[in-house]
N, C-alpha and C. Protein backbone atom coordinates (compact mmCIF):
# COMPACT_ATOMS: atom_id res chain seq x y z
N UNK A 1 -6.06 -10.13 25.36
CA UNK A 1 -7.30 -10.68 24.86
C UNK A 1 -8.42 -9.71 25.22
N UNK A 2 -9.28 -9.44 24.27
CA UNK A 2 -10.37 -8.50 24.53
C UNK A 2 -11.42 -9.13 25.44
N UNK A 3 -12.21 -8.28 26.06
CA UNK A 3 -13.26 -8.78 26.95
C UNK A 3 -14.31 -9.57 26.16
N UNK A 4 -14.55 -9.17 24.92
CA UNK A 4 -15.52 -9.88 24.08
C UNK A 4 -15.02 -11.29 23.78
N UNK A 5 -13.73 -11.41 23.43
CA UNK A 5 -13.15 -12.72 23.16
C UNK A 5 -13.17 -13.58 24.42
N UNK A 6 -12.80 -12.97 25.54
CA UNK A 6 -12.79 -13.69 26.82
C UNK A 6 -14.19 -14.22 27.15
N UNK A 7 -15.20 -13.39 26.91
CA UNK A 7 -16.59 -13.80 27.21
C UNK A 7 -17.01 -14.97 26.34
N UNK A 8 -16.67 -14.92 25.05
CA UNK A 8 -17.02 -16.00 24.13
C UNK A 8 -16.31 -17.28 24.54
N UNK A 9 -15.00 -17.17 24.83
CA UNK A 9 -14.25 -18.35 25.22
C UNK A 9 -14.72 -18.91 26.56
N UNK A 10 -15.02 -18.04 27.51
CA UNK A 10 -15.52 -18.48 28.82
C UNK A 10 -16.84 -19.21 28.66
N UNK A 11 -17.72 -18.67 27.84
CA UNK A 11 -19.01 -19.31 27.60
C UNK A 11 -18.82 -20.68 26.98
N UNK A 12 -17.87 -20.80 26.06
CA UNK A 12 -17.59 -22.08 25.41
C UNK A 12 -17.02 -23.08 26.38
N UNK A 13 -16.08 -22.67 27.23
CA UNK A 13 -15.48 -23.56 28.23
C UNK A 13 -16.55 -24.02 29.22
N UNK A 14 -17.39 -23.10 29.67
CA UNK A 14 -18.46 -23.43 30.60
C UNK A 14 -19.43 -24.43 29.98
N UNK A 15 -19.79 -24.22 28.71
CA UNK A 15 -20.72 -25.12 28.04
C UNK A 15 -20.12 -26.51 27.90
N UNK A 16 -18.82 -26.58 27.56
CA UNK A 16 -18.16 -27.87 27.42
C UNK A 16 -18.08 -28.55 28.78
N UNK A 17 -17.74 -27.78 29.83
CA UNK A 17 -17.62 -28.35 31.18
C UNK A 17 -18.97 -28.90 31.66
N UNK A 18 -20.04 -28.26 31.24
CA UNK A 18 -21.36 -28.72 31.66
C UNK A 18 -21.91 -29.81 30.73
N UNK A 19 -21.15 -30.13 29.68
CA UNK A 19 -21.57 -31.18 28.76
C UNK A 19 -22.68 -30.73 27.83
N UNK A 20 -22.76 -29.43 27.54
CA UNK A 20 -23.83 -28.93 26.68
C UNK A 20 -23.52 -29.12 25.19
N UNK A 21 -22.30 -29.52 24.86
CA UNK A 21 -21.95 -29.77 23.46
C UNK A 21 -21.96 -28.53 22.59
N UNK A 22 -21.72 -27.38 23.15
CA UNK A 22 -21.70 -26.14 22.39
C UNK A 22 -20.28 -25.87 21.92
N UNK A 23 -20.12 -25.46 20.68
CA UNK A 23 -18.81 -25.11 20.16
C UNK A 23 -18.65 -23.60 20.25
N UNK A 24 -17.56 -23.17 20.88
CA UNK A 24 -17.30 -21.73 21.00
C UNK A 24 -16.62 -21.23 19.75
N UNK A 25 -17.04 -20.07 19.28
CA UNK A 25 -16.40 -19.41 18.16
C UNK A 25 -15.99 -18.03 18.61
N UNK A 26 -14.71 -17.75 18.47
CA UNK A 26 -14.23 -16.41 18.82
C UNK A 26 -14.63 -15.46 17.70
N UNK A 27 -15.33 -14.43 18.05
CA UNK A 27 -15.78 -13.48 17.03
C UNK A 27 -14.78 -12.37 16.79
N UNK A 28 -13.80 -12.22 17.67
CA UNK A 28 -12.80 -11.18 17.49
C UNK A 28 -11.79 -11.64 16.44
N UNK A 29 -11.35 -10.72 15.59
CA UNK A 29 -10.38 -11.02 14.55
C UNK A 29 -9.00 -11.18 15.16
N UNK A 30 -8.23 -12.10 14.65
CA UNK A 30 -6.86 -12.31 15.14
C UNK A 30 -6.01 -11.07 14.83
N UNK A 31 -5.08 -10.75 15.70
CA UNK A 31 -4.22 -9.59 15.46
C UNK A 31 -3.39 -9.78 14.19
N UNK A 32 -3.20 -8.70 13.45
CA UNK A 32 -2.39 -8.74 12.24
C UNK A 32 -1.02 -8.18 12.54
N UNK A 33 -0.05 -8.61 11.78
CA UNK A 33 1.31 -8.12 11.93
C UNK A 33 1.79 -7.59 10.59
N UNK A 34 2.39 -6.42 10.61
CA UNK A 34 3.00 -5.85 9.43
C UNK A 34 4.44 -5.56 9.81
N UNK A 35 5.37 -5.98 8.98
CA UNK A 35 6.77 -5.72 9.29
C UNK A 35 7.46 -5.14 8.07
N UNK A 36 8.62 -4.63 8.27
CA UNK A 36 9.37 -4.04 7.18
C UNK A 36 10.83 -3.90 7.54
N UNK A 37 11.60 -3.47 6.58
CA UNK A 37 13.03 -3.30 6.74
C UNK A 37 13.45 -2.13 5.85
N UNK A 38 14.03 -1.07 6.41
CA UNK A 38 14.37 0.09 5.59
C UNK A 38 15.41 -0.19 4.51
N UNK A 39 16.13 -1.30 4.62
CA UNK A 39 17.10 -1.65 3.59
C UNK A 39 16.45 -2.41 2.43
N UNK A 40 15.19 -2.81 2.60
CA UNK A 40 14.48 -3.59 1.60
C UNK A 40 13.63 -2.68 0.72
N UNK A 41 13.89 -2.72 -0.58
CA UNK A 41 13.17 -1.82 -1.50
C UNK A 41 11.67 -2.07 -1.55
N UNK A 42 11.23 -3.31 -1.44
CA UNK A 42 9.78 -3.56 -1.46
C UNK A 42 9.12 -2.92 -0.25
N UNK A 43 9.79 -2.98 0.90
CA UNK A 43 9.28 -2.28 2.08
C UNK A 43 9.19 -0.80 1.81
N UNK A 44 10.22 -0.24 1.20
CA UNK A 44 10.24 1.20 0.92
C UNK A 44 9.14 1.60 -0.05
N UNK A 45 8.95 0.82 -1.10
CA UNK A 45 7.89 1.12 -2.07
C UNK A 45 6.52 1.03 -1.39
N UNK A 46 6.35 0.01 -0.60
CA UNK A 46 5.09 -0.16 0.13
C UNK A 46 4.87 0.98 1.12
N UNK A 47 5.92 1.36 1.85
CA UNK A 47 5.81 2.48 2.78
C UNK A 47 5.43 3.76 2.04
N UNK A 48 6.07 4.00 0.90
CA UNK A 48 5.77 5.21 0.12
C UNK A 48 4.31 5.22 -0.32
N UNK A 49 3.86 4.15 -0.95
CA UNK A 49 2.48 4.14 -1.45
C UNK A 49 1.46 4.23 -0.31
N UNK A 50 1.72 3.53 0.79
CA UNK A 50 0.82 3.61 1.93
C UNK A 50 0.73 5.02 2.49
N UNK A 51 1.88 5.64 2.72
CA UNK A 51 1.90 7.00 3.27
C UNK A 51 1.34 8.01 2.28
N UNK A 52 1.67 7.84 1.00
CA UNK A 52 1.20 8.78 -0.03
C UNK A 52 -0.32 8.73 -0.16
N UNK A 53 -0.87 7.54 -0.21
CA UNK A 53 -2.33 7.40 -0.33
C UNK A 53 -3.01 7.92 0.93
N UNK A 54 -2.44 7.64 2.10
CA UNK A 54 -2.98 8.20 3.34
C UNK A 54 -2.98 9.72 3.28
N UNK A 55 -1.86 10.30 2.87
CA UNK A 55 -1.74 11.76 2.81
C UNK A 55 -2.72 12.36 1.80
N UNK A 56 -2.89 11.72 0.67
CA UNK A 56 -3.84 12.21 -0.33
C UNK A 56 -5.28 12.07 0.16
N UNK A 57 -5.57 10.99 0.87
CA UNK A 57 -6.92 10.77 1.39
C UNK A 57 -7.28 11.78 2.47
N UNK A 58 -6.29 12.17 3.27
CA UNK A 58 -6.50 13.10 4.38
C UNK A 58 -6.17 14.53 4.01
N UNK A 59 -5.96 14.79 2.75
CA UNK A 59 -5.45 16.09 2.30
C UNK A 59 -6.28 17.25 2.84
N UNK A 60 -5.58 18.15 3.48
CA UNK A 60 -6.23 19.32 4.07
C UNK A 60 -6.16 20.54 3.15
N UNK A 61 -5.68 20.34 1.94
CA UNK A 61 -5.56 21.47 1.02
C UNK A 61 -4.15 22.00 0.91
N UNK A 62 -3.28 21.67 1.88
CA UNK A 62 -1.93 22.20 1.83
C UNK A 62 -1.06 21.43 0.85
N UNK A 63 -1.22 20.13 0.78
CA UNK A 63 -0.41 19.32 -0.13
C UNK A 63 1.03 19.15 0.32
N UNK A 64 1.35 19.57 1.53
CA UNK A 64 2.73 19.52 2.00
C UNK A 64 3.26 18.10 2.18
N UNK A 65 2.48 17.22 2.77
CA UNK A 65 2.97 15.87 3.02
C UNK A 65 3.18 15.08 1.73
N UNK A 66 2.23 15.07 0.80
CA UNK A 66 2.49 14.35 -0.45
C UNK A 66 3.75 14.88 -1.17
N UNK A 67 3.94 16.19 -1.14
CA UNK A 67 5.12 16.79 -1.77
C UNK A 67 6.39 16.35 -1.06
N UNK A 68 6.36 16.32 0.27
CA UNK A 68 7.53 15.89 1.04
C UNK A 68 7.83 14.40 0.81
N UNK A 69 6.79 13.59 0.72
CA UNK A 69 6.99 12.17 0.46
C UNK A 69 7.60 11.95 -0.92
N UNK A 70 7.14 12.69 -1.89
CA UNK A 70 7.72 12.60 -3.24
C UNK A 70 9.20 12.96 -3.20
N UNK A 71 9.52 14.05 -2.51
CA UNK A 71 10.92 14.50 -2.45
C UNK A 71 11.81 13.47 -1.77
N UNK A 72 11.29 12.76 -0.78
CA UNK A 72 12.08 11.78 -0.05
C UNK A 72 12.25 10.48 -0.82
N UNK A 73 11.19 9.98 -1.45
CA UNK A 73 11.21 8.65 -2.06
C UNK A 73 11.53 8.63 -3.56
N UNK A 74 11.36 9.73 -4.25
CA UNK A 74 11.51 9.74 -5.70
C UNK A 74 12.78 10.50 -6.09
N UNK A 75 13.54 9.93 -7.02
CA UNK A 75 14.78 10.55 -7.50
C UNK A 75 14.46 11.92 -8.11
N UNK A 76 15.29 12.93 -7.83
CA UNK A 76 15.04 14.28 -8.35
C UNK A 76 14.87 14.34 -9.87
N UNK A 77 15.66 13.56 -10.61
CA UNK A 77 15.52 13.58 -12.07
C UNK A 77 14.16 13.02 -12.50
N UNK A 78 13.66 12.03 -11.76
CA UNK A 78 12.35 11.48 -12.12
C UNK A 78 11.22 12.40 -11.69
N UNK A 79 11.42 13.18 -10.64
CA UNK A 79 10.39 14.16 -10.22
C UNK A 79 10.08 15.12 -11.37
N UNK A 80 11.10 15.51 -12.13
CA UNK A 80 10.89 16.40 -13.28
C UNK A 80 10.07 15.71 -14.36
N UNK A 81 10.36 14.46 -14.63
CA UNK A 81 9.59 13.70 -15.63
C UNK A 81 8.15 13.50 -15.15
N UNK A 82 8.00 13.26 -13.86
CA UNK A 82 6.67 13.08 -13.27
C UNK A 82 5.84 14.36 -13.41
N UNK A 83 6.46 15.50 -13.15
CA UNK A 83 5.77 16.79 -13.29
C UNK A 83 5.34 17.02 -14.74
N UNK A 84 6.20 16.67 -15.69
CA UNK A 84 5.84 16.83 -17.10
C UNK A 84 4.67 15.92 -17.46
N UNK A 85 4.68 14.67 -16.96
CA UNK A 85 3.57 13.75 -17.22
C UNK A 85 2.28 14.31 -16.64
N UNK A 86 2.34 14.83 -15.40
CA UNK A 86 1.15 15.38 -14.75
C UNK A 86 0.59 16.59 -15.49
N UNK A 87 1.46 17.45 -16.00
CA UNK A 87 1.00 18.61 -16.77
C UNK A 87 0.31 18.18 -18.06
N UNK A 88 0.85 17.16 -18.69
CA UNK A 88 0.29 16.66 -19.94
C UNK A 88 -1.01 15.89 -19.73
N UNK A 89 -1.08 15.08 -18.67
CA UNK A 89 -2.22 14.19 -18.45
C UNK A 89 -3.27 14.74 -17.49
N UNK A 90 -2.94 15.81 -16.78
CA UNK A 90 -3.85 16.42 -15.79
C UNK A 90 -4.30 15.40 -14.73
N UNK A 91 -3.33 14.65 -14.21
CA UNK A 91 -3.61 13.63 -13.19
C UNK A 91 -2.39 13.50 -12.28
N UNK A 92 -2.57 12.83 -11.17
CA UNK A 92 -1.49 12.55 -10.24
C UNK A 92 -0.59 11.48 -10.84
N UNK A 93 0.67 11.78 -11.01
CA UNK A 93 1.60 10.86 -11.64
C UNK A 93 1.97 9.66 -10.79
N UNK A 94 1.91 9.79 -9.49
CA UNK A 94 2.23 8.67 -8.60
C UNK A 94 1.12 7.62 -8.68
N UNK A 95 -0.11 8.07 -8.76
CA UNK A 95 -1.27 7.18 -8.81
C UNK A 95 -1.77 6.95 -10.23
N UNK A 96 -1.31 7.78 -11.16
CA UNK A 96 -1.78 7.75 -12.54
C UNK A 96 -3.30 7.88 -12.60
N UNK A 97 -3.81 8.80 -11.79
CA UNK A 97 -5.26 8.99 -11.70
C UNK A 97 -5.56 10.38 -11.15
N UNK A 98 -6.83 10.75 -11.22
CA UNK A 98 -7.28 12.03 -10.67
C UNK A 98 -7.88 11.90 -9.28
N UNK A 99 -8.06 10.68 -8.82
CA UNK A 99 -8.60 10.49 -7.48
C UNK A 99 -7.70 9.55 -6.69
N UNK A 100 -8.13 9.18 -5.49
CA UNK A 100 -7.33 8.37 -4.58
C UNK A 100 -7.94 6.99 -4.43
N UNK A 101 -7.14 5.94 -4.54
CA UNK A 101 -7.69 4.58 -4.44
C UNK A 101 -8.12 4.24 -3.02
N UNK A 102 -8.97 3.22 -2.93
CA UNK A 102 -9.45 2.74 -1.63
C UNK A 102 -8.43 1.81 -0.97
N UNK A 103 -7.69 1.05 -1.79
CA UNK A 103 -6.71 0.09 -1.29
C UNK A 103 -5.53 0.03 -2.25
N UNK A 104 -4.44 -0.52 -1.75
CA UNK A 104 -3.26 -0.71 -2.57
C UNK A 104 -2.55 -2.00 -2.15
N UNK A 105 -1.79 -2.57 -3.09
CA UNK A 105 -1.01 -3.77 -2.80
C UNK A 105 0.28 -3.68 -3.61
N UNK A 106 1.39 -4.07 -3.00
CA UNK A 106 2.70 -4.05 -3.66
C UNK A 106 3.19 -5.49 -3.80
N UNK A 107 3.59 -5.85 -5.02
CA UNK A 107 4.11 -7.19 -5.29
C UNK A 107 5.44 -7.08 -6.00
N UNK A 108 6.47 -7.67 -5.43
CA UNK A 108 7.79 -7.67 -6.06
C UNK A 108 7.75 -8.53 -7.30
N UNK A 109 8.33 -8.02 -8.40
CA UNK A 109 8.34 -8.79 -9.64
C UNK A 109 9.73 -9.05 -10.17
N UNK A 110 10.73 -8.41 -9.61
CA UNK A 110 12.08 -8.68 -10.09
C UNK A 110 13.10 -7.75 -9.47
N UNK A 111 14.33 -8.21 -9.52
CA UNK A 111 15.44 -7.39 -9.06
C UNK A 111 16.57 -7.48 -10.07
N UNK A 112 17.45 -6.57 -9.99
CA UNK A 112 18.59 -6.45 -10.91
C UNK A 112 19.19 -5.10 -10.58
N UNK A 113 19.38 -4.30 -11.60
CA UNK A 113 19.82 -2.92 -11.35
C UNK A 113 18.76 -2.20 -10.53
N UNK A 114 17.50 -2.52 -10.82
CA UNK A 114 16.37 -1.93 -10.10
C UNK A 114 15.57 -3.02 -9.41
N UNK A 115 14.90 -2.64 -8.35
CA UNK A 115 13.87 -3.50 -7.79
C UNK A 115 12.59 -3.09 -8.49
N UNK A 116 11.89 -4.04 -9.05
CA UNK A 116 10.65 -3.75 -9.76
C UNK A 116 9.48 -4.32 -8.97
N UNK A 117 8.43 -3.52 -8.86
CA UNK A 117 7.22 -3.95 -8.15
C UNK A 117 6.00 -3.56 -8.95
N UNK A 118 4.96 -4.38 -8.84
CA UNK A 118 3.67 -4.04 -9.42
C UNK A 118 2.80 -3.51 -8.27
N UNK A 119 2.24 -2.35 -8.47
CA UNK A 119 1.34 -1.73 -7.50
C UNK A 119 -0.08 -1.92 -8.02
N UNK A 120 -0.91 -2.58 -7.25
CA UNK A 120 -2.32 -2.75 -7.62
C UNK A 120 -3.12 -1.74 -6.80
N UNK A 121 -3.78 -0.83 -7.50
CA UNK A 121 -4.61 0.20 -6.87
C UNK A 121 -6.06 -0.18 -7.08
N UNK A 122 -6.80 -0.30 -5.98
CA UNK A 122 -8.21 -0.67 -6.05
C UNK A 122 -9.05 0.58 -5.86
N UNK A 123 -9.91 0.85 -6.83
CA UNK A 123 -10.74 2.07 -6.84
C UNK A 123 -12.15 1.79 -6.34
N UNK A 124 -12.65 0.61 -6.62
CA UNK A 124 -13.98 0.18 -6.16
C UNK A 124 -13.96 -1.33 -6.11
N UNK A 125 -15.08 -1.91 -5.77
CA UNK A 125 -15.13 -3.37 -5.63
C UNK A 125 -14.71 -4.09 -6.90
N UNK A 126 -15.03 -3.53 -8.05
CA UNK A 126 -14.76 -4.20 -9.32
C UNK A 126 -13.73 -3.50 -10.19
N UNK A 127 -13.06 -2.48 -9.67
CA UNK A 127 -12.15 -1.71 -10.50
C UNK A 127 -10.79 -1.57 -9.83
N UNK A 128 -9.76 -1.99 -10.56
CA UNK A 128 -8.40 -1.78 -10.08
C UNK A 128 -7.50 -1.53 -11.28
N UNK A 129 -6.36 -0.90 -11.00
CA UNK A 129 -5.35 -0.69 -12.03
C UNK A 129 -4.01 -1.13 -11.47
N UNK A 130 -3.08 -1.38 -12.38
CA UNK A 130 -1.75 -1.80 -11.96
C UNK A 130 -0.70 -0.86 -12.54
N UNK A 131 0.31 -0.60 -11.73
CA UNK A 131 1.44 0.22 -12.14
C UNK A 131 2.72 -0.57 -11.88
N UNK A 132 3.75 -0.27 -12.65
CA UNK A 132 5.06 -0.84 -12.40
C UNK A 132 5.94 0.28 -11.85
N UNK A 133 6.62 -0.01 -10.73
CA UNK A 133 7.49 0.96 -10.09
C UNK A 133 8.90 0.37 -10.03
N UNK A 134 9.88 1.18 -10.44
CA UNK A 134 11.28 0.78 -10.36
C UNK A 134 11.98 1.62 -9.32
N UNK A 135 12.77 0.97 -8.45
CA UNK A 135 13.55 1.66 -7.42
C UNK A 135 15.00 1.20 -7.52
N UNK A 136 15.92 2.15 -7.43
CA UNK A 136 17.33 1.78 -7.51
C UNK A 136 17.74 1.02 -6.26
N UNK A 137 18.66 0.10 -6.44
CA UNK A 137 19.13 -0.70 -5.31
C UNK A 137 20.12 0.07 -4.45
N UNK A 138 20.84 1.02 -5.05
CA UNK A 138 21.86 1.73 -4.28
C UNK A 138 21.33 2.96 -3.54
N UNK A 139 20.51 3.77 -4.20
CA UNK A 139 20.01 5.00 -3.55
C UNK A 139 18.63 4.82 -2.93
N UNK A 140 17.96 3.72 -3.24
CA UNK A 140 16.60 3.46 -2.74
C UNK A 140 15.63 4.57 -3.14
N UNK A 141 15.76 5.04 -4.37
CA UNK A 141 14.87 6.07 -4.90
C UNK A 141 14.07 5.51 -6.07
N UNK A 142 12.83 5.93 -6.17
CA UNK A 142 11.97 5.54 -7.30
C UNK A 142 12.45 6.30 -8.53
N UNK A 143 12.66 5.55 -9.62
CA UNK A 143 13.15 6.17 -10.86
C UNK A 143 12.17 6.00 -12.02
N UNK A 144 11.08 5.28 -11.78
CA UNK A 144 10.07 5.14 -12.83
C UNK A 144 8.76 4.64 -12.22
N UNK A 145 7.66 5.22 -12.71
CA UNK A 145 6.31 4.76 -12.41
C UNK A 145 5.59 4.70 -13.74
N UNK A 146 5.06 3.56 -14.08
CA UNK A 146 4.38 3.46 -15.37
C UNK A 146 3.60 2.18 -15.49
N UNK A 147 3.33 1.82 -16.73
CA UNK A 147 2.57 0.61 -17.01
C UNK A 147 3.34 -0.32 -17.91
N UNK A 148 4.64 -0.09 -18.09
CA UNK A 148 5.43 -0.96 -18.98
C UNK A 148 5.34 -2.40 -18.51
N UNK A 149 5.25 -3.29 -19.47
CA UNK A 149 5.14 -4.69 -19.12
C UNK A 149 3.73 -5.12 -18.72
N UNK A 150 2.81 -4.18 -18.69
CA UNK A 150 1.43 -4.51 -18.33
C UNK A 150 0.48 -4.31 -19.51
N UNK A 151 1.04 -4.11 -20.69
CA UNK A 151 0.20 -3.89 -21.86
C UNK A 151 -0.16 -2.43 -22.05
N UNK A 152 0.41 -1.55 -21.24
CA UNK A 152 0.13 -0.10 -21.38
C UNK A 152 1.31 0.59 -22.00
N UNK A 153 1.24 1.92 -22.04
CA UNK A 153 2.34 2.67 -22.64
C UNK A 153 3.39 3.04 -21.63
């Protein structure tokens, strides 16, 4: 417990003990928990997007980490298709954009041969885009990033 939380709670207990009728409010935020499982594709997709966006945000000009993350999480055959898309569109194929989002969210939408997830990328308070990502269940590699099923091409 932080000293700030302790102070607020102590003040509240003291006020109640003295009959002052004061309600204590803890101003410290409750601890958050994030968990994952390397055998779970949604965890893997989430890990990839989180690490990739972090690496792009902190990019020092080398580009080594984003490239390494792509090599680890994306199927080699799809990396070639991704490179072709990037050459044609002049944008980052993983993000489908020229800049880096402020936030991201991964939502599982289906399983079968592939695990499918919708990635919501938030660019500003009022602007977000969605991507569909497919990952194989056996190799745990991303085999498609696009907008299929979202009204895009």
